C-alpha cells in the first residue's frame, strides 16, 4: 500500500499543487483547511507524513505540531513564508522533520517527502525484544511498554528508542550523534534541534511520572541516565 500524506493548509491552491504532485508520485492524500481540522484528522487517521502550513486559522501549525509530538512521531514537513526564519527554527525545535519556504518546487517537496518516509522506516522497524531496568523505570521494547514503579508511561517510537539506548548503557554518556543514530539509524542526517525536541519530550514525560532527573546532562558532551529514583 502507498503511504498516506495529510496536507494541512488554508490555501486551496497550495493544497491543489501539493495534492497533484504527491498523487503523481503514487501517494494517497487527505486534506484539512485549518489547524483544528488538521489535528482531528491527524489523530483519527493513520497518516504516514504531514505537510503542515505554519500560518493556519483556528490553530497554527506550531501548536498543532506541539500537540502531536506529545502523542506520536508522525513525520512533519512545515510550509513557511519565505522570510519567517523564526517560525522555521521553532518548527524544528518542536520536532519538525523538515521545512520548505513558499513558493516551493513541488518536485523538491516530493523528493523530501520520499527521503523522510524512507528514513522513518528505520524507526518503525520491530525492535529486538528485551526488558531494561534502571531504578524505578522498566522498559519492555518488545511490547513497547514503559513503566515507572508499575505505572504505564506513554512514549512515542522515537522516545522509546532514545530511552532504550540510554538504559542499555546507563553509565555511558551519549552524544547527540549517537542518540540520532539510535533513533533514525546511522548515516542519516537529523538536525540537533530535532534530537533536542525528542529528548525534551522524553524528559518531561519521565518527570511527570515522578522521575525528575532521570536523564542527566553532561555539559559539553551529551546525556546519560540518572539514578531514576521516583520522587
Protein backbone atom coordinates (compact mmCIF):
# COMPACT_ATOMS: atom_id res chain seq x y z
CA UNK A 1 0.00 0.00 0.00
CA UNK A 2 1.17 3.55 -0.75
CA UNK A 3 1.95 5.95 2.07
CA UNK A 4 -0.80 8.36 3.09
CA UNK A 5 0.04 12.06 3.34
CA UNK A 6 -2.06 14.61 5.21
CA UNK A 7 -1.93 18.15 3.78
CA UNK A 8 -2.91 20.90 6.22
CA UNK A 9 -3.08 24.33 4.58
CA UNK A 10 -5.77 27.01 4.45
CA UNK A 11 -4.89 27.96 0.84
CA UNK A 12 -6.82 25.68 -1.55
CA UNK A 13 -4.41 26.46 -4.39
CA UNK A 14 -1.45 25.27 -2.31
CA UNK A 15 -3.37 22.13 -1.38
CA UNK A 16 -4.13 21.52 -5.07
CA UNK A 17 -0.46 21.82 -6.06
CA UNK A 18 0.73 19.55 -3.26
CA UNK A 19 -2.05 17.01 -3.78
CA UNK A 20 -1.38 16.69 -7.52
CA UNK A 21 2.39 16.32 -7.00
CA UNK A 22 2.00 13.70 -4.28
CA UNK A 23 -0.62 11.69 -6.17
CA UNK A 24 1.55 11.66 -9.29
CA UNK A 25 4.31 10.24 -7.09
CA UNK A 26 1.99 7.42 -6.00
CA UNK A 27 0.90 8.62 -2.56
CA UNK A 28 -2.63 8.76 -1.21
CA UNK A 29 -3.68 12.13 0.17
CA UNK A 30 -6.06 13.61 2.72
CA UNK A 31 -6.57 17.34 3.28
CA UNK A 32 -7.52 19.80 6.01
CA UNK A 33 -8.13 23.53 5.68
CA UNK A 34 -7.34 24.71 9.21
CA UNK A 35 -5.39 23.67 12.28
CA UNK A 36 -8.29 22.24 14.27
CA UNK A 37 -9.39 20.04 11.36
CA UNK A 38 -5.79 19.04 10.74
CA UNK A 39 -5.30 17.94 14.35
CA UNK A 40 -8.52 15.92 14.29
CA UNK A 41 -7.57 14.15 11.04
CA UNK A 42 -4.03 13.51 12.26
CA UNK A 43 -5.39 11.89 15.41
CA UNK A 44 -8.19 9.93 13.78
CA UNK A 45 -6.34 8.68 10.72
CA UNK A 46 -3.10 6.84 10.10
CA UNK A 47 -1.15 9.40 8.14
CA UNK A 48 2.45 8.45 7.36
CA UNK A 49 3.53 12.10 6.99
CA UNK A 50 2.01 15.56 7.37
CA UNK A 51 2.67 18.55 5.13
CA UNK A 52 1.83 21.38 7.51
CA UNK A 53 1.47 25.11 6.92
CA UNK A 54 2.53 27.22 9.90
CA UNK A 55 0.14 30.15 9.33
CA UNK A 56 -3.19 28.40 9.87
CA UNK A 57 -6.53 29.66 11.24
CA UNK A 58 -8.12 28.05 14.32
CA UNK A 59 -4.76 26.65 15.46
CA UNK A 60 -1.38 27.47 13.95
CA UNK A 61 0.95 24.79 12.66
CA UNK A 62 3.42 25.15 15.53
CA UNK A 63 0.73 24.45 18.13
CA UNK A 64 -0.56 21.53 16.08
CA UNK A 65 2.96 20.09 15.95
CA UNK A 66 3.43 20.62 19.69
CA UNK A 67 0.26 18.66 20.48
CA UNK A 68 1.03 15.84 18.07
CA UNK A 69 4.59 15.41 19.28
CA UNK A 70 3.31 14.64 22.78
CA UNK A 71 1.38 11.69 21.29
CA UNK A 72 3.10 10.35 18.18
CA UNK A 73 6.07 10.53 15.82
CA UNK A 74 4.33 11.21 12.51
CA UNK A 75 6.92 12.99 10.33
CA UNK A 76 6.11 16.65 9.63
CA UNK A 77 7.25 18.90 6.76
CA UNK A 78 6.47 22.54 7.52
CA UNK A 79 5.47 25.04 4.87
CA UNK A 80 6.50 28.58 5.81
CA UNK A 81 6.52 32.08 4.37
CA UNK A 82 9.78 32.98 2.65
CA UNK A 83 11.14 35.21 5.42
CA UNK A 84 9.75 33.51 8.54
CA UNK A 85 13.08 32.26 9.89
CA UNK A 86 11.85 32.34 13.49
CA UNK A 87 8.93 30.08 12.65
CA UNK A 88 11.22 27.65 10.80
CA UNK A 89 13.56 27.44 13.79
CA UNK A 90 10.67 26.93 16.21
CA UNK A 91 9.24 24.25 13.95
CA UNK A 92 12.47 22.27 14.03
CA UNK A 93 12.79 22.74 17.79
CA UNK A 94 9.30 21.31 18.24
CA UNK A 95 10.24 18.19 16.31
CA UNK A 96 9.51 19.06 12.70
CA UNK A 97 11.47 16.88 10.27
CA UNK A 98 11.96 19.44 7.51
CA UNK A 99 10.59 22.69 6.12
CA UNK A 100 10.07 24.37 2.76
CA UNK A 101 9.64 28.08 2.19
CA UNK A 102 6.87 29.28 -0.13
CA UNK A 103 6.97 29.42 -3.10
CA UNK A 104 8.44 25.93 -3.38
CA UNK A 105 9.13 23.34 -6.04
CA UNK A 106 6.54 20.52 -5.95
CA UNK A 107 9.22 18.17 -7.27
CA UNK A 108 11.55 19.06 -4.41
CA UNK A 109 8.74 18.62 -1.89
CA UNK A 110 8.07 15.12 -3.22
CA UNK A 111 11.79 14.31 -3.01
CA UNK A 112 11.93 15.43 0.63
CA UNK A 113 8.77 13.51 1.49
CA UNK A 114 10.23 10.38 -0.08
CA UNK A 115 13.51 10.78 1.84
CA UNK A 116 11.76 11.32 5.18
CA UNK A 117 9.46 8.33 4.71
CA UNK A 118 12.45 6.14 3.88
CA UNK A 119 14.23 7.41 6.99
CA UNK A 120 11.21 6.77 9.21
CA UNK A 121 11.13 3.09 8.22
CA UNK A 122 14.15 2.59 10.47
CA UNK A 123 12.19 3.95 13.43
CA UNK A 124 9.11 1.79 12.88
CA UNK A 125 11.05 -1.44 12.38
CA UNK A 126 10.34 -4.06 15.04
CA UNK A 127 12.81 -3.66 17.89
CA UNK A 128 14.68 -6.53 19.49
CA UNK A 129 12.74 -7.95 22.41
CA UNK A 130 14.37 -7.01 25.69
CA UNK A 131 13.45 -5.68 29.13
CA UNK A 132 15.63 -2.93 30.59
CA UNK A 133 15.53 -1.62 34.16
CA UNK A 134 17.04 1.42 35.81
CA UNK A 135 15.84 2.50 39.22
CA UNK A 136 12.07 2.88 39.08
CA UNK A 137 11.97 2.62 35.27
CA UNK A 138 11.17 -0.62 33.43
CA UNK A 139 11.31 -0.62 29.63
CA UNK A 140 9.97 -3.53 27.58
CA UNK A 141 10.96 -2.73 23.98
CA UNK A 142 9.38 -5.86 22.57
CA UNK A 143 5.93 -4.85 23.79
CA UNK A 144 6.57 -1.09 23.55
CA UNK A 145 5.90 -0.58 27.25
CA UNK A 146 7.45 1.84 29.70
CA UNK A 147 6.57 1.70 33.38
CA UNK A 148 7.68 3.76 36.35
CA UNK A 149 7.02 1.98 39.64
CA UNK A 150 4.47 -0.15 37.81
CA UNK A 151 2.54 2.76 36.24
CA UNK A 152 2.46 2.96 32.44
CA UNK A 153 4.14 5.91 30.71
CA UNK A 154 3.11 6.54 27.09
CA UNK A 155 6.15 7.02 24.85
CA UNK A 156 6.37 7.52 21.10
CA UNK A 157 8.54 5.20 18.98
CA UNK A 158 11.40 7.70 18.91
CA UNK A 159 11.25 8.38 22.63
CA UNK A 160 11.27 4.63 23.24
CA UNK A 161 14.33 4.13 21.02
CA UNK A 162 16.15 7.01 22.70
CA UNK A 163 15.41 5.77 26.22
CA UNK A 164 16.37 2.20 25.28
CA UNK A 165 19.74 3.42 24.01
CA UNK A 166 20.41 5.29 27.25
CA UNK A 167 19.20 2.50 29.53
CA UNK A 168 21.27 -0.13 27.72
CA UNK A 169 24.39 1.92 28.55
CA UNK A 170 23.34 3.63 31.79
CA UNK A 171 26.80 4.75 32.87
CA UNK A 172 27.92 5.96 29.43
CA UNK A 173 27.43 9.47 28.08
CA UNK A 174 25.59 9.57 24.74
CA UNK A 175 26.24 12.36 22.27
CA UNK A 176 23.55 13.84 20.03
CA UNK A 177 25.01 11.96 17.08
CA UNK A 178 24.76 8.67 18.97
CA UNK A 179 21.17 9.40 20.00
CA UNK A 180 20.30 10.30 16.42
CA UNK A 181 21.84 7.05 15.16
CA UNK A 182 19.92 5.08 17.79
CA UNK A 183 16.61 6.64 16.76
CA UNK A 184 16.96 7.14 12.99
CA UNK A 185 19.77 4.80 12.01
CA UNK A 186 23.40 5.51 11.14
CA UNK A 187 24.39 7.93 8.39
CA UNK A 188 21.03 9.71 8.39
CA UNK A 189 21.25 13.46 8.86
CA UNK A 190 18.91 14.80 11.54
CA UNK A 191 19.19 18.31 12.96
CA UNK A 192 20.33 18.79 16.56
CA UNK A 193 17.07 20.66 17.20
CA UNK A 194 15.02 17.61 16.25
CA UNK A 195 17.05 15.40 18.61
CA UNK A 196 16.69 18.04 21.34
CA UNK A 197 12.93 18.09 20.85
CA UNK A 198 12.55 14.32 21.32
CA UNK A 199 14.88 14.40 24.33
CA UNK A 200 12.96 17.28 25.90
CA UNK A 201 9.62 15.50 25.44
CA UNK A 202 11.06 12.29 26.91
CA UNK A 203 12.41 14.10 29.96
CA UNK A 204 9.08 15.83 30.50
CA UNK A 205 7.15 12.55 30.45
CA UNK A 206 9.57 10.90 32.89
CA UNK A 207 9.40 13.90 35.21
CA UNK A 208 5.59 13.96 35.09
CA UNK A 209 5.63 10.28 36.07
CA UNK A 210 7.71 11.12 39.14
CA UNK A 211 11.28 10.55 37.91
CA UNK A 212 12.80 14.00 37.83
CA UNK A 213 16.45 13.89 36.85
CA UNK A 214 16.11 10.54 35.11
CA UNK A 215 18.29 11.87 32.27
CA UNK A 216 21.33 13.90 33.26
CA UNK A 217 23.16 16.43 31.10
CA UNK A 218 26.94 16.23 30.95
CA UNK A 219 27.73 19.71 29.69
CA UNK A 220 29.71 19.84 26.51
CA UNK A 221 29.43 16.10 25.95
CA UNK A 222 25.90 14.71 25.99
CA UNK A 223 23.46 12.94 28.31
CA UNK A 224 23.29 9.78 30.41
CA UNK A 225 20.85 8.04 32.73
CA UNK A 226 20.47 9.40 36.24
CA UNK A 227 19.52 7.30 39.26
CA UNK A 228 15.82 7.28 38.23
CA UNK A 229 14.51 7.30 41.78
CA UNK A 230 10.84 8.20 41.92
CA UNK A 231 10.19 11.34 43.94
